[in-house]
Each structure stands twice: as C-alpha cells, then as structure tokens.
C-alpha cells in the first residue's frame, strides 16, 4: 500500500513540474548581468551514486557563479532516492563526494533533504550526516527559496 501511495504522489509531482529545459542554466545566469538573490539547485535522482557526479558539479557551478557574483547564496535541495545516500550508513560509499559536500557546507552552501520522503522510508532526521538539514518537504523548501528570490536550477546527470 505504501508503494502505491508513493507512486501516486510522485505522479502528482511530475504533473505539476515543468520540463527541465524550462529552467535557466548556470550558463544563462552567468551570461546575464542581473545577479539573482540566490540559486537553489534541485536534485531528484535515483542513480545509485548520484553524489559522485552531483557533488563535483555543484562545486564547479558554485566556483563559476561566485566568480561573477561574489555574494550569491547557494542551496541544494535533494528529494529523490539520492537523499538516502546522505545517511550516515550510506555516505561511506561515496567518500570523495561526501568530502566535497562537507567543503561546500563549510563554505556556506545549505544542503536540505525531504522529511516527507524520509518518513515514508522510516529514516529519522539523525540518520543523516551532520551537514544535512531535514526540511519538512523538499518541494516546499524549494518554493520557500523561490519566494526569497532564488533562481531554481534542476541539476541533472551530465550526458557523456
């Protein structure tokens, strides 16, 4: 029954989300002279090793954004299966990625996961590594950032 409910909710989310190509890219933001109030990267992936590609990508994007906009705030909201790779138990499977995320956190990047998704999997807040903030809802957290003037960018695995 839980799986049916999860599938239903995920289908509802997908109906309400515009296609990824509608979101501005980092390149488009860098080409503009208008500094956004902040950037919120949305990550929704079920790749088994999401953070091995996402963490270096976030590091590179942050570096490039800061070079043009030195005061820009950056946040990451993870609310797919990849968020469970940030639990203490799973984080050891991607040590280099976790070190990169730790560095980003130390440099002021906020990292959130979805508490609702966690509750569906019976994963408690204290199961996550210390740099993770468990938000009540990943999509609501993203919307809160957007209301603050942040620009949302959907982070996707690069094609080789």
Protein backbone atom coordinates (compact mmCIF):
# COMPACT_ATOMS: atom_id res chain seq x y z
CA UNK A 1 0.00 0.00 0.00
CA UNK A 2 2.86 2.38 0.85
CA UNK A 3 4.34 1.84 -2.61
CA UNK A 4 1.03 2.67 -4.28
CA UNK A 5 0.75 5.89 -2.28
CA UNK A 6 4.36 6.78 -3.11
CA UNK A 7 3.76 6.15 -6.81
CA UNK A 8 0.59 8.28 -6.71
CA UNK A 9 2.37 11.19 -5.00
CA UNK A 10 5.32 11.02 -7.39
CA UNK A 11 2.93 11.07 -10.35
CA UNK A 12 1.21 14.13 -8.91
CA UNK A 13 4.56 15.90 -8.50
CA UNK A 14 5.53 15.09 -12.07
CA UNK A 15 2.28 16.56 -13.40
CA UNK A 16 2.96 19.85 -11.65
CA UNK A 17 6.60 20.22 -12.62
CA UNK A 18 7.52 21.94 -15.87
CA UNK A 19 10.03 20.19 -18.10
CA UNK A 20 13.65 20.57 -17.05
CA UNK A 21 14.54 22.64 -20.13
CA UNK A 22 12.31 25.46 -18.86
CA UNK A 23 14.70 26.23 -16.02
CA UNK A 24 17.62 28.56 -16.59
CA UNK A 25 21.01 27.01 -16.79
CA UNK A 26 24.10 28.17 -15.00
CA UNK A 27 25.39 29.36 -18.39
CA UNK A 28 22.35 31.58 -18.89
CA UNK A 29 22.74 33.09 -15.42
CA UNK A 30 26.45 33.70 -15.96
CA UNK A 31 25.72 35.40 -19.28
CA UNK A 32 23.39 37.84 -17.54
CA UNK A 33 24.41 40.97 -15.69
CA UNK A 34 21.47 40.56 -13.31
CA UNK A 35 22.58 38.89 -10.11
CA UNK A 36 19.95 36.55 -8.71
CA UNK A 37 19.26 36.73 -4.97
CA UNK A 38 20.43 33.15 -4.80
CA UNK A 39 20.45 29.81 -6.55
CA UNK A 40 18.62 26.71 -5.37
CA UNK A 41 19.71 23.52 -7.07
CA UNK A 42 17.02 20.84 -7.14
CA UNK A 43 18.21 17.26 -7.22
CA UNK A 44 15.75 14.44 -7.89
CA UNK A 45 17.60 11.31 -8.95
CA UNK A 46 17.52 7.62 -8.29
CA UNK A 47 21.03 6.99 -9.59
CA UNK A 48 22.90 4.71 -7.16
CA UNK A 49 25.90 7.02 -6.94
CA UNK A 50 24.30 10.40 -7.53
CA UNK A 51 26.71 12.35 -5.36
CA UNK A 52 29.79 11.13 -7.26
CA UNK A 53 28.67 13.31 -10.19
CA UNK A 54 26.47 15.85 -8.39
CA UNK A 55 28.99 16.99 -5.74
CA UNK A 56 31.77 17.89 -8.24
CA UNK A 57 29.19 19.56 -10.49
CA UNK A 58 27.89 21.65 -7.58
CA UNK A 59 31.46 22.59 -6.66
CA UNK A 60 32.21 23.70 -10.22
CA UNK A 61 28.94 25.63 -10.60
CA UNK A 62 29.47 27.36 -7.26
CA UNK A 63 33.01 28.38 -8.26
CA UNK A 64 31.80 29.84 -11.55
CA UNK A 65 28.82 31.62 -10.01
CA UNK A 66 30.96 33.14 -7.24
CA UNK A 67 33.50 34.38 -9.79
CA UNK A 68 30.79 36.52 -11.38
CA UNK A 69 28.54 37.15 -8.34
CA UNK A 70 30.75 37.06 -5.20
CA UNK A 71 27.86 37.44 -2.75
CA UNK A 72 25.46 34.90 -4.22
CA UNK A 73 23.83 32.39 -1.87
CA UNK A 74 23.56 28.77 -2.95
CA UNK A 75 21.36 26.00 -1.62
CA UNK A 76 20.75 22.40 -2.64
CA UNK A 77 17.51 20.50 -2.11
CA UNK A 78 17.62 16.74 -2.61
CA UNK A 79 14.28 14.96 -2.57
CA UNK A 80 14.64 11.82 -4.65
CA UNK A 81 16.18 8.47 -3.82
CA UNK A 82 19.62 10.11 -3.76
CA UNK A 83 18.80 11.81 -0.47
CA UNK A 84 19.22 8.47 1.32
CA UNK A 85 22.83 8.32 0.12
CA UNK A 86 23.37 11.14 2.65
CA UNK A 87 22.61 8.94 5.64
CA UNK A 88 25.49 8.08 7.94
CA UNK A 89 25.20 4.45 6.88
CA UNK A 90 25.35 5.14 3.13
CA UNK A 91 27.68 8.15 2.99
CA UNK A 92 30.76 5.96 3.40
CA UNK A 93 30.07 4.50 -0.06
CA UNK A 94 30.95 7.84 -1.71
CA UNK A 95 33.74 9.30 0.48
CA UNK A 96 35.14 11.79 -2.05
CA UNK A 97 31.67 13.12 -2.81
CA UNK A 98 30.91 13.47 0.90
CA UNK A 99 34.17 15.39 1.42
CA UNK A 100 33.21 17.75 -1.41
CA UNK A 101 29.77 18.27 0.14
CA UNK A 102 31.39 18.92 3.53
CA UNK A 103 33.63 21.57 1.95
CA UNK A 104 30.65 23.18 0.21
CA UNK A 105 28.77 23.21 3.51
CA UNK A 106 31.77 24.76 5.28
CA UNK A 107 31.73 27.45 2.57
CA UNK A 108 28.08 28.29 3.23
CA UNK A 109 26.11 26.07 0.85
CA UNK A 110 22.93 24.79 2.52
CA UNK A 111 22.00 21.15 1.88
CA UNK A 112 18.43 20.03 2.50
CA UNK A 113 16.62 16.71 2.14
CA UNK A 114 12.90 15.97 2.19
CA UNK A 115 11.48 14.96 5.56
CA UNK A 116 8.31 13.60 3.99
CA UNK A 117 10.27 11.23 1.78
CA UNK A 118 12.36 10.27 4.82
CA UNK A 119 9.22 9.43 6.79
CA UNK A 120 7.98 7.14 4.00
CA UNK A 121 11.21 5.15 4.36
CA UNK A 122 11.28 5.37 8.19
CA UNK A 123 14.58 7.27 8.08
CA UNK A 124 14.98 9.56 11.08
CA UNK A 125 16.50 13.05 10.94
CA UNK A 126 19.51 11.95 12.97
CA UNK A 127 20.27 9.23 10.41
CA UNK A 128 21.69 11.87 8.08
CA UNK A 129 25.23 13.23 8.10
CA UNK A 130 25.71 16.42 10.09
CA UNK A 131 25.70 18.83 7.14
CA UNK A 132 22.16 17.86 6.10
CA UNK A 133 19.10 19.85 7.12
CA UNK A 134 15.93 17.76 7.00
CA UNK A 135 13.16 20.03 5.73
CA UNK A 136 9.53 19.02 6.29
CA UNK A 137 9.08 18.91 2.49
CA UNK A 138 11.65 19.17 -0.30
CA UNK A 139 9.29 20.84 -2.80
CA UNK A 140 8.09 23.31 -0.13
CA UNK A 141 11.72 24.12 0.74
CA UNK A 142 12.40 24.89 -2.92
CA UNK A 143 9.30 27.10 -3.08
CA UNK A 144 10.46 28.96 0.05
CA UNK A 145 13.76 29.74 -1.68
CA UNK A 146 11.94 30.87 -4.82
CA UNK A 147 9.79 33.21 -2.71
CA UNK A 148 13.04 34.71 -1.39
CA UNK A 149 14.07 35.48 -4.96
CA UNK A 150 16.30 32.47 -5.60
CA UNK A 151 16.54 31.05 -9.09
CA UNK A 152 15.86 27.33 -9.32
CA UNK A 153 18.13 25.10 -11.39
CA UNK A 154 17.35 21.42 -11.82
CA UNK A 155 20.61 19.50 -11.52
CA UNK A 156 20.77 16.56 -13.90
CA UNK A 157 23.41 13.95 -14.55
CA UNK A 158 25.62 15.11 -17.41
CA UNK A 159 25.46 13.03 -20.57
CA UNK A 160 28.79 11.59 -21.60
